[in-house]
Protein backbone atom coordinates (compact mmCIF):
# COMPACT_ATOMS: atom_id res chain seq x y z
CA MET A 1 25.71 1.50 3.85
CA LYS A 2 22.12 1.02 4.64
CA LYS A 3 19.66 1.38 1.82
CA SER A 4 16.69 3.58 2.57
CA LEU A 5 13.15 2.69 1.63
CA ASN A 6 11.62 4.19 -1.59
CA TYR A 7 8.27 5.68 -0.46
CA ASP A 8 6.91 6.43 -4.14
CA PHE A 9 4.40 3.60 -3.82
CA LEU A 10 2.50 5.78 -1.13
CA LYS A 11 2.17 8.88 -3.56
CA SER A 12 -1.52 7.94 -4.44
CA ALA A 13 -2.25 8.47 -0.82
CA LYS A 14 -2.26 12.34 -1.51
CA LYS A 15 -5.69 11.73 -2.95
CA MET A 16 -7.28 9.99 -0.23
CA PRO A 17 -10.88 11.38 0.64
CA PRO A 18 -11.85 12.27 4.17
CA LEU A 19 -11.79 9.14 6.28
CA HIS A 20 -11.84 7.79 9.82
CA HIS A 21 -8.86 6.11 11.52
CA ARG A 22 -10.93 5.54 14.64
CA LEU A 23 -14.36 5.42 14.12
CA PRO A 24 -16.45 8.10 16.12
CA ALA A 25 -17.63 6.83 19.47
CA LYS A 26 -15.79 3.49 19.18
CA GLU A 27 -12.57 2.13 20.51
CA PHE A 28 -9.74 2.23 18.26
CA ASN A 29 -9.30 -1.06 16.06
CA ILE A 30 -6.95 -1.19 12.99
CA MET A 31 -9.38 -3.77 11.40
CA GLU A 32 -11.98 -1.02 11.40
CA SER A 33 -9.94 1.76 10.27
CA GLU A 34 -11.36 3.50 7.02
CA VAL A 35 -7.67 4.84 6.40
CA ALA A 36 -5.93 1.78 6.39
CA GLU A 37 -8.63 -0.05 4.41
CA TRP A 38 -8.41 2.67 1.60
CA LEU A 39 -4.48 2.53 1.64
CA CYS A 40 -4.37 -1.31 1.34
CA ARG A 41 -6.83 -0.81 -1.82
CA ILE A 42 -3.85 1.04 -3.55
CA PRO A 43 -2.28 -1.73 -5.89
CA GLU A 44 1.29 -0.23 -5.23
CA VAL A 45 1.08 -0.50 -1.50
CA ARG A 46 -0.17 -4.08 -1.68
CA GLN A 47 2.69 -5.06 -3.95
CA LYS A 48 5.00 -3.38 -1.67
CA ILE A 49 3.92 -5.21 1.14
CA PHE A 50 4.01 -8.43 -0.75
CA ASP A 51 7.57 -7.77 -1.91
CA MET A 52 8.71 -6.81 1.37
CA ALA A 53 7.54 -10.38 2.92
CA ASN A 54 8.84 -12.01 0.08
CA ARG A 55 12.39 -10.29 0.44
CA LYS A 56 12.83 -10.79 4.06
CA GLY A 57 11.94 -14.53 3.62
CA LEU A 58 8.66 -14.39 5.64
CA ILE A 59 6.66 -16.28 2.97
CA VAL A 60 7.54 -18.90 0.66
CA TYR A 61 6.13 -20.25 -2.57
CA ASP A 62 5.18 -23.91 -2.78
CA GLN A 63 5.40 -24.96 -6.52
CA ASP A 64 3.65 -28.10 -5.88
CA SER A 65 0.40 -26.42 -4.52
CA SER A 66 0.98 -23.12 -6.56
CA THR A 67 0.19 -21.16 -3.00
CA TRP A 68 2.17 -18.86 -0.94
CA ARG A 69 2.60 -19.45 3.04
CA GLY A 70 4.06 -18.08 5.91
CA THR A 71 7.31 -19.58 6.87
CA ASP A 72 6.07 -20.55 10.35
CA TYR A 73 2.77 -21.60 9.14
CA GLU A 74 1.83 -25.02 10.60
CA ASP A 75 -1.26 -27.15 9.31
């Protein structure tokens, strides 16, 4: 049975003030989205993204350097 994702980490989004997702008179760029920026500041959202990447094995911890890196990262 497939486990469904718990979206409780997004509950604080209900308190988001009015923000632009696409800045007026500009082409859409997710890196300039005020909405995405605001959502990424929610500690639970950041933790969930980290946990998902870690659980899926997309990032790994290097004990020697005390750092995390992507599994496909090449120096």
